[in-house]
Amino acid sequence: MATIKARNFRDADEMLHSGITKVELAYDIGSDDFFRLASHWCDRGAKISRGTDHFIVSLKGFAVPSND
């Protein structure tokens, strides 16, 4: 599974909402944005780990609701 790189908080949040299951936070994330992202996504089963250069948000078993 490929890791998609987000360049800002908005990119990361949109990618995760769209169903991408592995997003690298490839920017200098501030503590406020980090905790906002962690609070929202970890409650939904995401794991945040430290990659080589950046944090990586991974979702497992996350079902994206349909638009119906």
C-alpha atoms as a PDB file:
ATOM      1  CA  MET A   1       0.000   0.000   0.000  1.00  0.00           C
ATOM      2  CA  ALA A   2       1.432   3.351  -1.032  1.00  0.00           C
ATOM      3  CA  THR A   3       1.717   6.251   1.359  1.00  0.00           C
ATOM      4  CA  ILE A   4       0.261   9.514   0.075  1.00  0.00           C
ATOM      5  CA  LYS A   5       1.942  12.731   1.203  1.00  0.00           C
ATOM      6  CA  ALA A   6      -0.116  15.587   2.618  1.00  0.00           C
ATOM      7  CA  ARG A   7       1.375  19.082   2.403  1.00  0.00           C
ATOM      8  CA  ASN A   8      -0.863  20.669   5.068  1.00  0.00           C
ATOM      9  CA  PHE A   9      -3.560  19.862   7.626  1.00  0.00           C
ATOM     10  CA  ARG A  10      -6.379  20.372   5.147  1.00  0.00           C
ATOM     11  CA  ASP A  11      -4.821  17.959   2.629  1.00  0.00           C
ATOM     12  CA  ALA A  12      -4.380  15.295   5.303  1.00  0.00           C
ATOM     13  CA  ASP A  13      -7.926  15.630   6.599  1.00  0.00           C
ATOM     14  CA  GLU A  14      -9.434  15.559   3.095  1.00  0.00           C
ATOM     15  CA  MET A  15      -7.365  12.523   2.097  1.00  0.00           C
ATOM     16  CA  LEU A  16      -8.400  10.587   5.180  1.00  0.00           C
ATOM     17  CA  HIS A  17     -12.056  11.545   4.672  1.00  0.00           C
ATOM     18  CA  SER A  18     -11.842  10.403   1.034  1.00  0.00           C
ATOM     19  CA  GLY A  19     -10.801   6.890   2.073  1.00  0.00           C
ATOM     20  CA  ILE A  20      -7.016   6.995   1.657  1.00  0.00           C
ATOM     21  CA  THR A  21      -5.789   4.723   4.433  1.00  0.00           C
ATOM     22  CA  LYS A  22      -2.154   5.813   4.783  1.00  0.00           C
ATOM     23  CA  VAL A  23      -1.191   9.497   4.786  1.00  0.00           C
ATOM     24  CA  GLU A  24       2.265  10.912   5.509  1.00  0.00           C
ATOM     25  CA  LEU A  25       2.177  14.339   7.145  1.00  0.00           C
ATOM     26  CA  ALA A  26       4.965  15.670   4.905  1.00  0.00           C
ATOM     27  CA  TYR A  27       5.104  19.139   6.427  1.00  0.00           C
ATOM     28  CA  ASP A  28       6.130  20.808   9.662  1.00  0.00           C
ATOM     29  CA  ILE A  29       2.927  20.144  11.610  1.00  0.00           C
ATOM     30  CA  GLY A  30       2.285  22.333  14.626  1.00  0.00           C
ATOM     31  CA  SER A  31       1.160  20.935  17.961  1.00  0.00           C
ATOM     32  CA  ASP A  32      -2.372  22.356  17.637  1.00  0.00           C
ATOM     33  CA  ASP A  33      -2.932  20.720  14.239  1.00  0.00           C
ATOM     34  CA  PHE A  34      -1.313  17.470  15.390  1.00  0.00           C
ATOM     35  CA  PHE A  35      -3.603  17.152  18.395  1.00  0.00           C
ATOM     36  CA  ARG A  36      -6.663  18.202  16.405  1.00  0.00           C
ATOM     37  CA  LEU A  37      -5.883  15.536  13.789  1.00  0.00           C
ATOM     38  CA  ALA A  38      -5.092  12.919  16.447  1.00  0.00           C
ATOM     39  CA  SER A  39      -8.241  13.677  18.422  1.00  0.00           C
ATOM     40  CA  HIS A  40     -10.494  13.386  15.381  1.00  0.00           C
ATOM     41  CA  TRP A  41      -8.907  10.395  13.648  1.00  0.00           C
ATOM     42  CA  CYS A  42      -7.699   8.284  16.581  1.00  0.00           C
ATOM     43  CA  ASP A  43     -11.270   8.232  17.876  1.00  0.00           C
ATOM     44  CA  ARG A  44     -12.108   6.588  14.531  1.00  0.00           C
ATOM     45  CA  GLY A  45      -9.420   3.921  14.793  1.00  0.00           C
ATOM     46  CA  ALA A  46      -6.421   5.640  13.194  1.00  0.00           C
ATOM     47  CA  LYS A  47      -2.884   5.010  14.359  1.00  0.00           C
ATOM     48  CA  ILE A  48      -0.219   7.713  14.188  1.00  0.00           C
ATOM     49  CA  SER A  49       3.368   6.568  13.965  1.00  0.00           C
ATOM     50  CA  ARG A  50       6.697   8.259  13.436  1.00  0.00           C
ATOM     51  CA  GLY A  51       8.116   7.573   9.989  1.00  0.00           C
ATOM     52  CA  THR A  52      11.645   8.313   8.839  1.00  0.00           C
ATOM     53  CA  ASP A  53      11.010  12.015   8.287  1.00  0.00           C
ATOM     54  CA  HIS A  54       7.352  12.652   9.193  1.00  0.00           C
ATOM     55  CA  PHE A  55       4.378  11.276  11.069  1.00  0.00           C
ATOM     56  CA  ILE A  56       2.174   8.735   9.276  1.00  0.00           C
ATOM     57  CA  VAL A  57      -1.566   8.353   9.878  1.00  0.00           C
ATOM     58  CA  SER A  58      -2.880   4.859   9.123  1.00  0.00           C
ATOM     59  CA  LEU A  59      -6.485   3.724   9.048  1.00  0.00           C
ATOM     60  CA  LYS A  60      -7.432   0.074   9.223  1.00  0.00           C
ATOM     61  CA  GLY A  61     -10.924  -1.202   8.678  1.00  0.00           C
ATOM     62  CA  PHE A  62     -12.287   2.285   8.114  1.00  0.00           C
ATOM     63  CA  ALA A  63     -15.458   2.207   6.043  1.00  0.00           C
ATOM     64  CA  VAL A  64     -16.211   5.306   4.008  1.00  0.00           C
ATOM     65  CA  PRO A  65     -19.968   5.910   4.030  1.00  0.00           C
ATOM     66  CA  SER A  66     -21.677   6.075   0.680  1.00  0.00           C
ATOM     67  CA  ASN A  67     -23.216   9.265  -0.663  1.00  0.00           C
ATOM     68  CA  ASP A  68     -26.614   7.588  -1.124  1.00  0.00           C
END
